[in-house]
């Protein structure tokens, strides 16, 4: 079984962990139909439109 020879320093450990902080949240865009915020390339949850056409009927 592999065992580390030396203790990982705090600086080395923290440098590795910064990569996770660089990942950003997905950008929201405005729906052209209802002007609500939505994720890009997805059907709008509010109105059910995608690319100018009704994709899902919303009650």
PDB file of N, CA and C in Angstrom:
ATOM      1  N   UNK A   1       0.831  -1.167   0.000  1.00  0.00           N
ATOM      2  CA  UNK A   1       0.000   0.000   0.000  1.00  0.00           C
ATOM      3  C   UNK A   1       0.891   1.252   0.000  1.00  0.00           C
ATOM      4  N   UNK A   2       0.534   2.253  -0.798  1.00  0.00           N
ATOM      5  CA  UNK A   2       1.342   3.459  -0.908  1.00  0.00           C
ATOM      6  C   UNK A   2       1.144   4.349   0.311  1.00  0.00           C
ATOM      7  N   UNK A   3       2.269   4.802   0.866  1.00  0.00           N
ATOM      8  CA  UNK A   3       2.248   5.676   2.029  1.00  0.00           C
ATOM      9  C   UNK A   3       3.155   6.868   1.735  1.00  0.00           C
ATOM     10  N   UNK A   4       2.717   8.105   2.032  1.00  0.00           N
ATOM     11  CA  UNK A   4       3.564   9.261   1.775  1.00  0.00           C
ATOM     12  C   UNK A   4       4.819   9.247   2.639  1.00  0.00           C
ATOM     13  N   UNK A   5       5.967   9.643   2.047  1.00  0.00           N
ATOM     14  CA  UNK A   5       7.222   9.672   2.807  1.00  0.00           C
ATOM     15  C   UNK A   5       7.291  10.887   3.717  1.00  0.00           C
ATOM     16  N   UNK A   6       6.726  11.993   3.268  1.00  0.00           N
ATOM     17  CA  UNK A   6       6.797  13.241   4.030  1.00  0.00           C
ATOM     18  C   UNK A   6       5.397  13.838   4.206  1.00  0.00           C
ATOM     19  N   UNK A   7       5.254  14.657   5.234  1.00  0.00           N
ATOM     20  CA  UNK A   7       3.995  15.365   5.472  1.00  0.00           C
ATOM     21  C   UNK A   7       3.811  16.422   4.376  1.00  0.00           C
ATOM     22  N   UNK A   8       2.599  16.520   3.873  1.00  0.00           N
ATOM     23  CA  UNK A   8       2.295  17.550   2.881  1.00  0.00           C
ATOM     24  C   UNK A   8       2.200  18.895   3.599  1.00  0.00           C
ATOM     25  N   UNK A   9       2.952  19.867   3.118  1.00  0.00           N
ATOM     26  CA  UNK A   9       2.968  21.181   3.771  1.00  0.00           C
ATOM     27  C   UNK A   9       1.633  21.903   3.545  1.00  0.00           C
ATOM     28  N   UNK A  10       1.376  22.879   4.403  1.00  0.00           N
ATOM     29  CA  UNK A  10       0.128  23.640   4.290  1.00  0.00           C
ATOM     30  C   UNK A  10       0.071  24.412   2.980  1.00  0.00           C
ATOM     31  N   UNK A  11       1.202  24.948   2.553  1.00  0.00           N
ATOM     32  CA  UNK A  11       1.234  25.714   1.302  1.00  0.00           C
ATOM     33  C   UNK A  11       0.932  24.814   0.112  1.00  0.00           C
ATOM     34  N   UNK A  12       1.519  23.630   0.090  1.00  0.00           N
ATOM     35  CA  UNK A  12       1.282  22.697  -1.019  1.00  0.00           C
ATOM     36  C   UNK A  12      -0.163  22.218  -1.033  1.00  0.00           C
ATOM     37  N   UNK A  13      -0.691  21.911   0.138  1.00  0.00           N
ATOM     38  CA  UNK A  13      -2.087  21.479   0.265  1.00  0.00           C
ATOM     39  C   UNK A  13      -3.035  22.576  -0.207  1.00  0.00           C
ATOM     40  N   UNK A  14      -2.798  23.817   0.218  1.00  0.00           N
ATOM     41  CA  UNK A  14      -3.678  24.925  -0.139  1.00  0.00           C
ATOM     42  C   UNK A  14      -3.588  25.266  -1.615  1.00  0.00           C
ATOM     43  N   UNK A  15      -2.402  25.108  -2.219  1.00  0.00           N
ATOM     44  CA  UNK A  15      -2.262  25.354  -3.660  1.00  0.00           C
ATOM     45  C   UNK A  15      -3.119  24.388  -4.461  1.00  0.00           C
ATOM     46  N   UNK A  16      -3.178  23.160  -4.002  1.00  0.00           N
ATOM     47  CA  UNK A  16      -3.994  22.149  -4.678  1.00  0.00           C
ATOM     48  C   UNK A  16      -5.479  22.473  -4.535  1.00  0.00           C
ATOM     49  N   UNK A  17      -5.881  22.976  -3.397  1.00  0.00           N
ATOM     50  CA  UNK A  17      -7.288  23.244  -3.135  1.00  0.00           C
ATOM     51  C   UNK A  17      -7.815  24.483  -3.846  1.00  0.00           C
ATOM     52  N   UNK A  18      -6.936  25.380  -4.290  1.00  0.00           N
ATOM     53  CA  UNK A  18      -7.405  26.599  -4.949  1.00  0.00           C
ATOM     54  C   UNK A  18      -8.058  26.308  -6.287  1.00  0.00           C
ATOM     55  N   UNK A  19      -7.755  25.190  -6.908  1.00  0.00           N
ATOM     56  CA  UNK A  19      -8.347  24.848  -8.204  1.00  0.00           C
ATOM     57  C   UNK A  19      -9.860  24.741  -8.086  1.00  0.00           C
ATOM     58  N   UNK A  20     -10.353  24.269  -6.952  1.00  0.00           N
ATOM     59  CA  UNK A  20     -11.794  24.126  -6.759  1.00  0.00           C
ATOM     60  C   UNK A  20     -12.470  25.483  -6.621  1.00  0.00           C
ATOM     61  N   UNK A  21     -11.745  26.471  -6.109  1.00  0.00           N
ATOM     62  CA  UNK A  21     -12.320  27.802  -5.936  1.00  0.00           C
ATOM     63  C   UNK A  21     -12.454  28.529  -7.263  1.00  0.00           C
ATOM     64  N   UNK A  22     -11.656  28.146  -8.242  1.00  0.00           N
ATOM     65  CA  UNK A  22     -11.684  28.818  -9.542  1.00  0.00           C
ATOM     66  C   UNK A  22     -12.927  28.470 -10.353  1.00  0.00           C
ATOM     67  N   UNK A  23     -13.602  27.367 -10.024  1.00  0.00           N
ATOM     68  CA  UNK A  23     -14.794  26.965 -10.760  1.00  0.00           C
ATOM     69  C   UNK A  23     -15.912  27.943 -10.422  1.00  0.00           C
ATOM     70  N   UNK A  24     -16.468  28.578 -11.439  1.00  0.00           N
ATOM     71  CA  UNK A  24     -17.482  29.588 -11.205  1.00  0.00           C
ATOM     72  C   UNK A  24     -18.885  29.006 -11.396  1.00  0.00           C
ATOM     73  N   UNK A  25     -19.861  29.732 -10.880  1.00  0.00           N
ATOM     74  CA  UNK A  25     -21.244  29.322 -11.042  1.00  0.00           C
ATOM     75  C   UNK A  25     -21.670  29.549 -12.483  1.00  0.00           C
ATOM     76  N   UNK A  26     -22.671  28.817 -12.958  1.00  0.00           N
ATOM     77  CA  UNK A  26     -23.125  29.023 -14.335  1.00  0.00           C
ATOM     78  C   UNK A  26     -23.746  30.403 -14.509  1.00  0.00           C
ATOM     79  N   UNK A  27     -23.517  30.986 -15.672  1.00  0.00           N
ATOM     80  CA  UNK A  27     -24.052  32.313 -15.953  1.00  0.00           C
ATOM     81  C   UNK A  27     -25.538  32.210 -16.262  1.00  0.00           C
ATOM     82  N   UNK A  28     -26.292  33.155 -15.758  1.00  0.00           N
ATOM     83  CA  UNK A  28     -27.714  33.227 -16.052  1.00  0.00           C
ATOM     84  C   UNK A  28     -27.919  34.221 -17.180  1.00  0.00           C
ATOM     85  N   UNK A  29     -28.887  33.946 -18.030  1.00  0.00           N
ATOM     86  CA  UNK A  29     -29.238  34.874 -19.092  1.00  0.00           C
ATOM     87  C   UNK A  29     -30.730  35.157 -19.019  1.00  0.00           C
ATOM     88  N   UNK A  30     -31.170  36.185 -19.708  1.00  0.00           N
ATOM     89  CA  UNK A  30     -32.573  36.574 -19.683  1.00  0.00           C
ATOM     90  C   UNK A  30     -33.339  35.829 -20.762  1.00  0.00           C
ATOM     91  N   UNK A  31     -34.477  35.265 -20.401  1.00  0.00           N
ATOM     92  CA  UNK A  31     -35.340  34.588 -21.368  1.00  0.00           C
ATOM     93  C   UNK A  31     -35.936  35.642 -22.303  1.00  0.00           C
ATOM     94  N   UNK A  32     -35.857  35.449 -23.625  1.00  0.00           N
ATOM     95  CA  UNK A  32     -36.409  36.445 -24.538  1.00  0.00           C
ATOM     96  C   UNK A  32     -37.943  36.535 -24.502  1.00  0.00           C
ATOM     97  N   UNK A  33     -38.612  35.494 -24.034  1.00  0.00           N
ATOM     98  CA  UNK A  33     -40.080  35.493 -23.984  1.00  0.00           C
ATOM     99  C   UNK A  33     -40.605  36.206 -22.739  1.00  0.00           C
ATOM    100  N   UNK A  34     -40.188  35.702 -21.555  1.00  0.00           N
ATOM    101  CA  UNK A  34     -40.762  36.205 -20.305  1.00  0.00           C
ATOM    102  C   UNK A  34     -39.806  37.084 -19.508  1.00  0.00           C
ATOM    103  N   UNK A  35     -38.564  37.210 -19.966  1.00  0.00           N
ATOM    104  CA  UNK A  35     -37.540  38.053 -19.339  1.00  0.00           C
ATOM    105  C   UNK A  35     -37.178  37.620 -17.924  1.00  0.00           C
ATOM    106  N   UNK A  36     -37.332  36.340 -17.640  1.00  0.00           N
ATOM    107  CA  UNK A  36     -36.909  35.780 -16.356  1.00  0.00           C
ATOM    108  C   UNK A  36     -35.498  35.216 -16.526  1.00  0.00           C
ATOM    109  N   UNK A  37     -34.699  35.153 -15.453  1.00  0.00           N
ATOM    110  CA  UNK A  37     -33.361  34.561 -15.573  1.00  0.00           C
ATOM    111  C   UNK A  37     -33.449  33.052 -15.793  1.00  0.00           C
ATOM    112  N   UNK A  38     -32.609  32.534 -16.706  1.00  0.00           N
ATOM    113  CA  UNK A  38     -32.584  31.090 -16.982  1.00  0.00           C
ATOM    114  C   UNK A  38     -31.178  30.683 -17.343  1.00  0.00           C
ATOM    115  N   UNK A  39     -30.898  29.394 -17.271  1.00  0.00           N
ATOM    116  CA  UNK A  39     -29.601  28.871 -17.677  1.00  0.00           C
ATOM    117  C   UNK A  39     -29.527  28.826 -19.200  1.00  0.00           C
ATOM    118  N   UNK A  40     -28.362  29.118 -19.773  1.00  0.00           N
ATOM    119  CA  UNK A  40     -28.253  29.088 -21.233  1.00  0.00           C
ATOM    120  C   UNK A  40     -28.408  27.673 -21.782  1.00  0.00           C
ATOM    121  N   UNK A  41     -28.956  27.563 -22.974  1.00  0.00           N
ATOM    122  CA  UNK A  41     -29.153  26.293 -23.691  1.00  0.00           C
ATOM    123  C   UNK A  41     -30.092  25.352 -22.958  1.00  0.00           C
ATOM    124  N   UNK A  42     -31.060  25.903 -22.239  1.00  0.00           N
ATOM    125  CA  UNK A  42     -32.045  25.095 -21.541  1.00  0.00           C
ATOM    126  C   UNK A  42     -33.422  25.723 -21.688  1.00  0.00           C
ATOM    127  N   UNK A  43     -34.447  24.907 -21.522  1.00  0.00           N
ATOM    128  CA  UNK A  43     -35.821  25.400 -21.601  1.00  0.00           C
ATOM    129  C   UNK A  43     -36.087  26.284 -20.386  1.00  0.00           C
ATOM    130  N   UNK A  44     -36.782  27.390 -20.608  1.00  0.00           N
ATOM    131  CA  UNK A  44     -37.126  28.304 -19.522  1.00  0.00           C
ATOM    132  C   UNK A  44     -38.149  27.622 -18.615  1.00  0.00           C
ATOM    133  N   UNK A  45     -37.902  27.659 -17.312  1.00  0.00           N
ATOM    134  CA  UNK A  45     -38.816  27.024 -16.361  1.00  0.00           C
ATOM    135  C   UNK A  45     -40.104  27.810 -16.194  1.00  0.00           C
ATOM    136  N   UNK A  46     -40.055  29.108 -16.455  1.00  0.00           N
ATOM    137  CA  UNK A  46     -41.217  29.957 -16.238  1.00  0.00           C
ATOM    138  C   UNK A  46     -42.227  29.850 -17.373  1.00  0.00           C
ATOM    139  N   UNK A  47     -41.746  29.943 -18.628  1.00  0.00           N
ATOM    140  CA  UNK A  47     -42.680  29.976 -19.756  1.00  0.00           C
ATOM    141  C   UNK A  47     -42.623  28.713 -20.625  1.00  0.00           C
ATOM    142  N   UNK A  48     -41.574  27.904 -20.517  1.00  0.00           N
ATOM    143  CA  UNK A  48     -41.474  26.666 -21.272  1.00  0.00           C
ATOM    144  C   UNK A  48     -40.981  26.836 -22.699  1.00  0.00           C
ATOM    145  N   UNK A  49     -40.443  28.008 -23.038  1.00  0.00           N
ATOM    146  CA  UNK A  49     -39.967  28.252 -24.397  1.00  0.00           C
ATOM    147  C   UNK A  49     -38.479  27.975 -24.506  1.00  0.00           C
ATOM    148  N   UNK A  50     -38.073  27.530 -25.700  1.00  0.00           N
ATOM    149  CA  UNK A  50     -36.662  27.348 -26.036  1.00  0.00           C
ATOM    150  C   UNK A  50     -36.490  27.685 -27.504  1.00  0.00           C
ATOM    151  N   UNK A  51     -35.578  28.585 -27.799  1.00  0.00           N
ATOM    152  CA  UNK A  51     -35.261  28.986 -29.174  1.00  0.00           C
ATOM    153  C   UNK A  51     -36.500  29.538 -29.896  1.00  0.00           C
ATOM    154  N   UNK A  52     -37.334  30.280 -29.167  1.00  0.00           N
ATOM    155  CA  UNK A  52     -38.489  30.916 -29.768  1.00  0.00           C
ATOM    156  C   UNK A  52     -39.688  30.018 -29.982  1.00  0.00           C
ATOM    157  N   UNK A  53     -39.605  28.759 -29.550  1.00  0.00           N
ATOM    158  CA  UNK A  53     -40.719  27.825 -29.732  1.00  0.00           C
ATOM    159  C   UNK A  53     -41.084  27.246 -28.367  1.00  0.00           C
ATOM    160  N   UNK A  54     -42.371  26.882 -28.212  1.00  0.00           N
ATOM    161  CA  UNK A  54     -42.795  26.277 -26.958  1.00  0.00           C
ATOM    162  C   UNK A  54     -42.320  24.829 -26.936  1.00  0.00           C
ATOM    163  N   UNK A  55     -41.461  24.507 -25.992  1.00  0.00           N
ATOM    164  CA  UNK A  55     -40.907  23.168 -25.891  1.00  0.00           C
ATOM    165  C   UNK A  55     -41.659  22.338 -24.854  1.00  0.00           C
ATOM    166  N   UNK A  56     -42.094  22.993 -23.782  1.00  0.00           N
ATOM    167  CA  UNK A  56     -42.786  22.313 -22.685  1.00  0.00           C
ATOM    168  C   UNK A  56     -43.979  23.177 -22.305  1.00  0.00           C
ATOM    169  N   UNK A  57     -45.111  22.533 -22.085  1.00  0.00           N
ATOM    170  CA  UNK A  57     -46.284  23.305 -21.642  1.00  0.00           C
ATOM    171  C   UNK A  57     -46.181  23.519 -20.147  1.00  0.00           C
ATOM    172  N   UNK A  58     -46.283  24.763 -19.729  1.00  0.00           N
ATOM    173  CA  UNK A  58     -46.171  25.123 -18.307  1.00  0.00           C
ATOM    174  C   UNK A  58     -47.542  25.563 -17.834  1.00  0.00           C
ATOM    175  N   UNK A  59     -47.934  25.047 -16.679  1.00  0.00           N
ATOM    176  CA  UNK A  59     -49.249  25.370 -16.140  1.00  0.00           C
ATOM    177  C   UNK A  59     -49.237  26.709 -15.441  1.00  0.00           C
TER     178      UNK A  59
END
